[in-house]
C-alpha cells in the first residue's frame, strides 16, 4: 500500500453525503453523529454553503497572500466581533497550525525568568512538534521527546494541583493553554470553580491565557465560544474545524494587548487564508447567531431523551449544546461496527466515551432516530 494509513477507517465506500446522512456505494444510509469530527456544522452538502463556495471558486481559487481577499477581511472582523474585544486574526490551514501560531507569539514574549507554559492532562492541541509539547496525551507526546522546553502538565479541574503550582511558580508562568471542554480527552467541561481559579491567578500573575476553541467553538456549545459559559477571559483564541465549512481553515485570534502578535515576516503561510475557504467561513459565521438557542435546546433534548431510555450501560452524559459525551460503564470493543450495522456512524474517545458532534442544524426527528439507534445499540 502506497498510502500511509494513520487511522482505522470505516469499511464503507462513500457515494454521497447530505444533511446528517452519508450514503455508501451499496445504497446503505448512515446517520452521521459526529459531522466530520465537528467540521460540518451545517451538515453535509448544505445548499447555501455549496453555492457560496462554487461562486467563489468560479472567480478564483488561489491568488496567494499578496492579495487581500474581501472575505478574509470580513471573516476576521466577525471573529473579533464575536469576542466583544479588540483584536486581530492570523489565518491558518488547521487547528494545529493555529496552536503553532499561538505558541510562536507566546515564545516571542518569553524571558529567562518568565517562560513556563502550562497545559492540562488529557488536553489535545495538535500533533506537530510544537503542539505536541502541550499535548496532554503521553502516548502521542513521548515518542517525539524532547520537545519544546519549559512546558508543564497539570491536572484538569484539580484546584489543589493548580494552586500548588502557582504558589511555587506563578512569577515564572508565561502562558496557560486550556480547552473549556476537553474534546478528545473525553468531552469533559471545565468546572466553574476551576475556571475562576485560573482567572484569579491570571489577574495576579498576568500570564497569557489561550482558550482552545478548535472543537468547542463556533456555536458548538450553544454560545459562539465555549469559554463564554465559564467567564474565562482569553488573550488568544484558537479556532478551526467548522470554520471553513468543510475546507481547511483555522485561525488564531489575538486580543487586546497581544493583538500585534507578529511583525511582518515573522510568520506566514502559502495557502492560508485560502479565498474559497474564507468564502465558506463567511457563510458559516453569518448563520451561527441564529442557531445558538436551538443548539442549546437540542443538547438538552438529547440528554433528556437518553436518560429517559434508562440505559444501564451508560455511566454519565456530559457536555454543552451539541458537544456531548456518553461515557459507558465498560468499553464495548466492537461498538463502532455494531453501530454500522444499525446505520449509525459513531466516534469513540478514551476507549468508552461516545462523542456526539452532530450538525448544528440537525432536526428533532433526526435526533429521535439517533437516540433510538443508540438505545438498540447499548441495550
Protein backbone atom coordinates (compact mmCIF):
# COMPACT_ATOMS: atom_id res chain seq x y z
CA UNK A 1 0.00 0.00 0.00
CA UNK A 2 1.42 3.40 -1.02
CA UNK A 3 -0.96 5.30 1.28
CA UNK A 4 0.38 5.70 4.82
CA UNK A 5 -2.60 4.58 6.87
CA UNK A 6 -2.80 6.61 10.07
CA UNK A 7 -6.40 5.92 11.07
CA UNK A 8 -8.78 3.00 11.35
CA UNK A 9 -11.26 3.70 8.57
CA UNK A 10 -14.89 2.66 8.24
CA UNK A 11 -15.39 -0.32 5.90
CA UNK A 12 -17.68 1.63 3.57
CA UNK A 13 -17.16 3.48 0.28
CA UNK A 14 -18.93 6.84 0.27
CA UNK A 15 -21.12 7.69 -2.69
CA UNK A 16 -22.51 10.98 -1.38
CA UNK A 17 -23.48 12.86 1.78
CA UNK A 18 -26.47 15.06 2.52
CA UNK A 19 -27.53 16.72 5.76
CA UNK A 20 -26.81 14.33 8.64
CA UNK A 21 -26.58 11.27 6.39
CA UNK A 22 -23.81 9.54 4.49
CA UNK A 23 -24.69 7.11 1.69
CA UNK A 24 -22.38 4.34 0.52
CA UNK A 25 -21.98 2.85 -2.96
CA UNK A 26 -24.18 -0.08 -1.99
CA UNK A 27 -27.08 2.23 -1.27
CA UNK A 28 -26.84 1.99 2.52
CA UNK A 29 -27.69 5.07 4.56
CA UNK A 30 -25.86 6.05 7.76
CA UNK A 31 -26.71 8.73 10.33
CA UNK A 32 -23.56 10.75 10.99
CA UNK A 33 -23.37 11.60 14.71
CA UNK A 34 -20.05 13.47 14.59
CA UNK A 35 -20.16 15.51 11.36
CA UNK A 36 -16.58 15.04 10.22
CA UNK A 37 -15.36 15.38 13.85
CA UNK A 38 -17.24 18.63 14.35
CA UNK A 39 -16.40 20.11 10.96
CA UNK A 40 -19.72 20.09 9.09
CA UNK A 41 -21.68 22.39 11.39
CA UNK A 42 -24.43 22.91 8.79
CA UNK A 43 -24.46 19.28 7.72
CA UNK A 44 -23.18 17.71 4.54
CA UNK A 45 -23.77 19.40 1.17
CA UNK A 46 -25.60 22.41 2.60
CA UNK A 47 -27.12 24.11 -0.49
CA UNK A 48 -26.38 27.71 0.53
CA UNK A 49 -22.82 26.90 1.54
CA UNK A 50 -22.17 24.98 -1.66
CA UNK A 51 -23.49 27.84 -3.78
CA UNK A 52 -21.26 30.31 -1.93
CA UNK A 53 -18.18 28.15 -2.40
CA UNK A 54 -18.95 27.47 -6.08
CA UNK A 55 -19.43 31.16 -6.73
CA UNK A 56 -16.03 31.99 -5.26
CA UNK A 57 -14.39 29.04 -6.99
CA UNK A 58 -15.61 30.27 -10.36
CA UNK A 59 -13.93 33.64 -9.71
CA UNK A 60 -10.61 32.28 -8.39
CA UNK A 61 -9.38 29.57 -6.06
CA UNK A 62 -5.92 30.76 -5.05
CA UNK A 63 -4.08 34.03 -5.57
CA UNK A 64 -1.53 33.97 -2.71
CA UNK A 65 -1.37 36.16 0.34
CA UNK A 66 -0.02 39.06 -1.70
CA UNK A 67 -3.68 39.91 -2.27
CA UNK A 68 -6.23 40.81 0.39
CA UNK A 69 -9.49 38.98 -0.34
CA UNK A 70 -12.70 40.68 0.79
CA UNK A 71 -13.99 37.55 2.57
CA UNK A 72 -10.77 37.28 4.55
CA UNK A 73 -11.28 40.79 5.90
CA UNK A 74 -14.97 40.22 6.71
CA UNK A 75 -14.33 36.88 8.46
CA UNK A 76 -11.53 38.33 10.59
CA UNK A 77 -13.73 41.27 11.59
CA UNK A 78 -16.58 38.93 12.53
CA UNK A 79 -14.37 36.60 14.58
CA UNK A 80 -13.05 39.52 16.61
CA UNK A 81 -16.56 40.97 16.96
CA UNK A 82 -17.76 37.70 18.48
CA UNK A 83 -15.24 38.17 21.32
CA UNK A 84 -16.58 41.68 22.14
CA UNK A 85 -12.96 42.86 22.40
CA UNK A 86 -10.39 44.45 20.11
CA UNK A 87 -8.07 42.14 18.28
CA UNK A 88 -6.54 40.75 15.13
CA UNK A 89 -6.67 37.39 13.33
CA UNK A 90 -3.96 35.22 11.84
CA UNK A 91 -5.37 32.58 9.48
CA UNK A 92 -4.04 29.03 9.24
CA UNK A 93 -4.85 25.80 7.41
CA UNK A 94 -5.76 23.80 10.52
CA UNK A 95 -6.23 23.77 14.26
CA UNK A 96 -2.71 22.52 14.86
CA UNK A 97 -1.33 25.44 12.87
CA UNK A 98 -3.49 27.79 14.94
CA UNK A 99 -1.84 26.35 18.05
CA UNK A 100 1.59 26.80 16.47
CA UNK A 101 0.86 30.47 15.77
CA UNK A 102 -0.21 30.94 19.40
CA UNK A 103 2.95 29.22 20.63
CA UNK A 104 5.21 31.37 18.44
CA UNK A 105 3.54 34.56 19.67
CA UNK A 106 3.95 33.38 23.26
CA UNK A 107 7.57 32.26 22.86
CA UNK A 108 8.38 35.67 21.39
CA UNK A 109 7.38 37.17 24.74
CA UNK A 110 9.38 34.75 26.92
CA UNK A 111 12.21 35.84 29.19
CA UNK A 112 14.75 33.72 31.12
CA UNK A 113 12.70 34.26 34.28
CA UNK A 114 9.24 34.01 32.72
CA UNK A 115 8.99 31.10 30.33
CA UNK A 116 6.76 28.32 31.69
CA UNK A 117 3.80 27.25 29.54
CA UNK A 118 1.02 25.32 31.27
CA UNK A 119 -1.27 22.72 29.71
CA UNK A 120 -3.55 20.09 31.17
CA UNK A 121 -3.72 16.32 31.30
CA UNK A 122 -5.89 14.84 28.52
CA UNK A 123 -5.92 18.13 26.60
CA UNK A 124 -5.46 17.87 22.85
CA UNK A 125 -3.94 20.81 20.97
CA UNK A 126 -2.44 19.11 17.90
CA UNK A 127 0.25 16.73 16.65
CA UNK A 128 3.08 18.90 15.31
CA UNK A 129 6.24 19.15 17.40
CA UNK A 130 5.19 22.45 18.94
CA UNK A 131 1.63 21.45 19.71
CA UNK A 132 2.77 18.06 21.00
CA UNK A 133 4.76 19.94 23.61
CA UNK A 134 1.44 20.95 25.18
CA UNK A 135 -0.48 17.79 24.33
CA UNK A 136 -1.91 16.02 27.37
CA UNK A 137 -1.78 12.57 25.75
CA UNK A 138 1.50 10.97 26.81
CA UNK A 139 1.25 8.19 24.23
CA UNK A 140 1.24 10.81 21.46
CA UNK A 141 3.88 13.04 23.01
CA UNK A 142 6.57 10.75 24.41
CA UNK A 143 7.82 9.10 21.16
CA UNK A 144 8.93 12.54 19.92
CA UNK A 145 10.54 13.98 23.04
CA UNK A 146 12.49 16.10 23.79
CA UNK A 147 10.09 18.80 22.62
CA UNK A 148 9.76 22.49 23.49
CA UNK A 149 11.25 23.06 26.96
CA UNK A 150 9.53 24.69 29.93
CA UNK A 151 6.09 23.21 29.33
CA UNK A 152 4.30 21.85 32.39
CA UNK A 153 1.35 19.46 32.58
CA UNK A 154 -1.19 19.98 35.37
CA UNK A 155 -4.32 18.01 36.25
CA UNK A 156 -7.53 19.28 34.67
CA UNK A 157 -10.19 20.51 37.09
CA UNK A 158 -7.87 19.96 40.07
CA UNK A 159 -7.70 23.22 42.03
CA UNK A 160 -5.18 21.87 44.54
CA UNK A 161 -2.75 20.93 41.77
CA UNK A 162 -3.24 24.35 40.14
CA UNK A 163 -2.74 26.19 43.42
CA UNK A 164 0.37 24.23 44.38
CA UNK A 165 1.97 25.08 41.06
CA UNK A 166 1.18 28.79 41.13
CA UNK A 167 2.23 29.13 44.75
CA UNK A 168 5.68 27.99 43.65
CA UNK A 169 5.99 29.15 40.04
CA UNK A 170 3.41 31.88 39.46
CA UNK A 171 6.01 34.55 38.61
CA UNK A 172 7.62 32.20 36.09
CA UNK A 173 4.38 31.39 34.25
CA UNK A 174 4.19 32.85 30.76
CA UNK A 175 1.02 31.21 29.41
CA UNK A 176 -1.76 28.73 30.09
CA UNK A 177 -3.46 26.67 27.38
CA UNK A 178 -6.92 25.32 28.20
CA UNK A 179 -9.79 23.63 26.40
CA UNK A 180 -13.04 24.87 28.01
CA UNK A 181 -14.36 21.41 27.22
CA UNK A 182 -11.88 18.58 26.70
CA UNK A 183 -12.70 17.08 23.32
CA UNK A 184 -10.50 14.08 22.61
CA UNK A 185 -9.93 13.89 26.37
CA UNK A 186 -13.46 12.58 26.94
CA UNK A 187 -15.82 15.57 26.49
CA UNK A 188 -15.23 16.92 30.00
CA UNK A 189 -16.34 20.52 30.68
CA UNK A 190 -14.18 22.74 32.83
CA UNK A 191 -15.63 23.18 36.32
CA UNK A 192 -16.76 26.72 37.03
CA UNK A 193 -14.68 26.91 40.22
CA UNK A 194 -11.59 25.75 38.29
CA UNK A 195 -12.17 28.40 35.62
CA UNK A 196 -12.49 31.01 38.37
CA UNK A 197 -9.23 29.84 39.91
CA UNK A 198 -7.47 30.24 36.56
CA UNK A 199 -8.87 33.75 36.30
CA UNK A 200 -7.70 34.64 39.81
CA UNK A 201 -4.16 33.52 39.03
CA UNK A 202 -4.29 35.30 35.68
CA UNK A 203 -5.15 38.55 37.43
CA UNK A 204 -2.35 38.01 39.93
CA UNK A 205 0.42 36.90 37.58
CA UNK A 206 -0.70 38.40 34.25
CA UNK A 207 0.06 35.32 32.14
CA UNK A 208 -1.29 34.82 28.61
CA UNK A 209 -4.45 32.70 28.60
CA UNK A 210 -5.13 30.67 25.46
CA UNK A 211 -8.57 29.12 25.01
CA UNK A 212 -8.56 26.28 22.51
CA UNK A 213 -11.94 26.51 20.76
CA UNK A 214 -10.95 24.36 17.80
CA UNK A 215 -13.64 21.80 18.61
CA UNK A 216 -15.84 23.56 21.16
CA UNK A 217 -16.09 26.91 19.40
CA UNK A 218 -18.23 28.47 16.68
CA UNK A 219 -21.64 27.64 18.10
CA UNK A 220 -20.99 24.03 19.03
CA UNK A 221 -21.99 24.51 22.71
CA UNK A 222 -24.83 26.99 22.29
CA UNK A 223 -22.54 30.02 22.51
CA UNK A 224 -20.12 31.25 19.86
CA UNK A 225 -17.21 30.23 22.10
CA UNK A 226 -17.38 27.68 24.90
CA UNK A 227 -15.26 29.85 27.21
CA UNK A 228 -18.23 32.24 27.37
CA UNK A 229 -20.08 29.69 29.53
CA UNK A 230 -17.36 29.89 32.17
CA UNK A 231 -16.41 33.60 32.29
CA UNK A 232 -12.86 32.95 31.12
CA UNK A 233 -11.05 35.94 29.59
CA UNK A 234 -8.61 34.65 26.97
CA UNK A 235 -5.86 36.70 25.37
CA UNK A 236 -5.66 34.24 22.47
CA UNK A 237 -8.35 32.01 20.97
CA UNK A 238 -7.70 29.20 18.51
CA UNK A 239 -10.43 28.03 16.11
CA UNK A 240 -10.60 25.69 13.13
CA UNK A 241 -12.65 22.56 12.24
CA UNK A 242 -16.02 24.05 11.24
CA UNK A 243 -14.64 27.49 10.32
CA UNK A 244 -14.12 26.75 6.61
CA UNK A 245 -17.41 24.92 6.12
CA UNK A 246 -15.58 21.70 5.28
CA UNK A 247 -12.49 23.25 3.68
CA UNK A 248 -9.19 23.52 5.59
CA UNK A 249 -9.15 26.76 7.55
CA UNK A 250 -8.14 27.74 11.05
CA UNK A 251 -7.46 30.99 12.86
CA UNK A 252 -5.62 32.36 15.86
CA UNK A 253 -7.42 35.34 17.37
CA UNK A 254 -5.10 37.71 19.23
CA UNK A 255 -6.87 40.08 21.61
CA UNK A 256 -6.19 43.47 23.19
CA UNK A 257 -2.56 43.89 24.30
CA UNK A 258 -1.37 40.93 22.28
CA UNK A 259 -3.15 41.99 19.07
CA UNK A 260 0.14 42.83 17.38
CA UNK A 261 1.33 39.25 17.74
CA UNK A 262 3.92 39.31 14.96
CA UNK A 263 5.87 41.74 12.85
CA UNK A 264 5.92 41.33 9.07
CA UNK A 265 7.83 38.23 8.02
CA UNK A 266 7.81 36.56 11.44
CA UNK A 267 5.12 34.07 10.45
CA UNK A 268 3.25 33.11 7.30
CA UNK A 269 1.60 30.52 5.08
CA UNK A 270 1.47 29.88 1.34
CA UNK A 271 -2.10 28.64 1.26
CA UNK A 272 -3.84 30.37 4.12
CA UNK A 273 -6.13 32.22 4.07
CA UNK A 274 -7.46 30.42 1.02
CA UNK A 275 -10.16 32.60 -0.60
CA UNK A 276 -12.54 29.70 -1.24
CA UNK A 277 -12.29 28.60 2.39
CA UNK A 278 -12.85 32.14 3.68
CA UNK A 279 -15.95 32.42 1.47
CA UNK A 280 -17.25 29.31 3.23
CA UNK A 281 -16.28 30.78 6.60
CA UNK A 282 -18.16 33.99 5.87
CA UNK A 283 -21.31 31.99 5.14
CA UNK A 284 -20.90 29.87 8.29
CA UNK A 285 -20.34 32.85 10.58
CA UNK A 286 -23.37 34.67 9.16
CA UNK A 287 -25.60 31.71 10.06
CA UNK A 288 -24.25 30.96 13.54
CA UNK A 289 -26.04 33.55 15.72
CA UNK A 290 -29.50 32.35 14.66
CA UNK A 291 -28.61 28.74 15.56
CA UNK A 292 -27.34 29.21 19.11
CA UNK A 293 -30.61 28.99 21.03
CA UNK A 294 -31.64 25.85 19.16
CA UNK A 295 -28.24 24.24 19.71
CA UNK A 296 -28.62 24.63 23.47
CA UNK A 297 -32.16 23.24 23.39
CA UNK A 298 -31.19 20.30 21.19
CA UNK A 299 -28.39 19.36 23.55
CA UNK A 300 -30.81 19.31 26.47
CA UNK A 301 -33.25 17.30 24.35
CA UNK A 302 -30.63 14.63 23.61
CA UNK A 303 -29.59 14.32 27.26
CA UNK A 304 -33.20 14.07 28.43
CA UNK A 305 -34.07 11.58 25.69
CA UNK A 306 -31.18 9.29 26.54
CA UNK A 307 -31.83 9.48 30.28
CA UNK A 308 -35.48 8.60 29.72
CA UNK A 309 -34.35 5.39 27.99
CA UNK A 310 -32.74 4.27 31.28
CA UNK A 311 -29.87 2.52 29.50
CA UNK A 312 -27.93 0.64 32.17
CA UNK A 313 -24.65 0.68 30.22
CA UNK A 314 -24.45 4.48 30.40
CA UNK A 315 -22.41 5.83 33.31
CA UNK A 316 -22.71 9.56 32.55
CA UNK A 317 -23.78 12.03 29.86
CA UNK A 318 -21.95 15.36 29.88
CA UNK A 319 -21.14 18.35 27.74
CA UNK A 320 -22.78 21.50 26.41
CA UNK A 321 -25.11 22.03 23.49
CA UNK A 322 -24.23 19.65 20.66
CA UNK A 323 -20.86 18.68 22.09
CA UNK A 324 -21.80 15.70 24.23
CA UNK A 325 -20.03 12.68 25.66
CA UNK A 326 -21.78 9.45 26.60
CA UNK A 327 -19.45 7.61 28.97
CA UNK A 328 -20.13 3.89 29.24
CA UNK A 329 -19.53 1.88 32.38
CA UNK A 330 -17.39 -0.54 30.38
CA UNK A 331 -15.87 -0.35 26.92
CA UNK A 332 -17.55 -2.16 24.01
CA UNK A 333 -14.64 -3.19 21.75
CA UNK A 334 -16.83 -3.74 18.68
CA UNK A 335 -19.20 -0.84 19.23
CA UNK A 336 -18.34 1.04 16.02
CA UNK A 337 -19.02 -1.95 13.77
CA UNK A 338 -22.18 -2.84 15.70
CA UNK A 339 -23.36 0.74 15.19
CA UNK A 340 -22.61 0.48 11.47
CA UNK A 341 -24.97 -2.48 11.24
CA UNK A 342 -27.67 -0.18 12.64
CA UNK A 343 -26.89 2.57 10.14
CA UNK A 344 -25.15 4.73 12.74
CA UNK A 345 -21.71 6.36 12.47
CA UNK A 346 -20.04 6.72 15.87
CA UNK A 347 -16.86 8.33 17.15
CA UNK A 348 -15.44 6.92 20.41
CA UNK A 349 -12.72 8.61 22.51
CA UNK A 350 -10.84 7.48 25.62
CA UNK A 351 -11.97 3.91 24.97
CA UNK A 352 -15.54 4.21 26.22
CA UNK A 353 -16.88 7.71 25.56
CA UNK A 354 -19.20 8.16 22.59
CA UNK A 355 -18.53 11.68 21.33
CA UNK A 356 -21.59 13.29 19.76
CA UNK A 357 -20.85 16.27 17.49
CA UNK A 358 -23.82 16.29 15.09
CA UNK A 359 -24.61 19.07 12.64
CA UNK A 360 -25.89 22.14 14.48
CA UNK A 361 -28.99 22.22 12.28
CA UNK A 362 -29.92 18.59 12.91
CA UNK A 363 -33.71 18.18 13.00
CA UNK A 364 -35.54 16.83 16.05
CA UNK A 365 -36.81 13.79 14.16
CA UNK A 366 -33.21 13.00 13.24
CA UNK A 367 -32.25 13.36 16.89
CA UNK A 368 -35.03 10.91 17.78
CA UNK A 369 -33.67 8.47 15.21
CA UNK A 370 -30.18 8.80 16.69
CA UNK A 371 -31.45 8.22 20.24
CA UNK A 372 -33.47 5.18 19.18
CA UNK A 373 -30.47 3.65 17.41
CA UNK A 374 -28.27 4.31 20.44
CA UNK A 375 -30.83 2.59 22.65
CA UNK A 376 -30.80 -0.51 20.46
CA UNK A 377 -27.00 -0.47 20.30
CA UNK A 378 -26.45 -0.07 24.05
CA UNK A 379 -29.21 -2.33 25.29
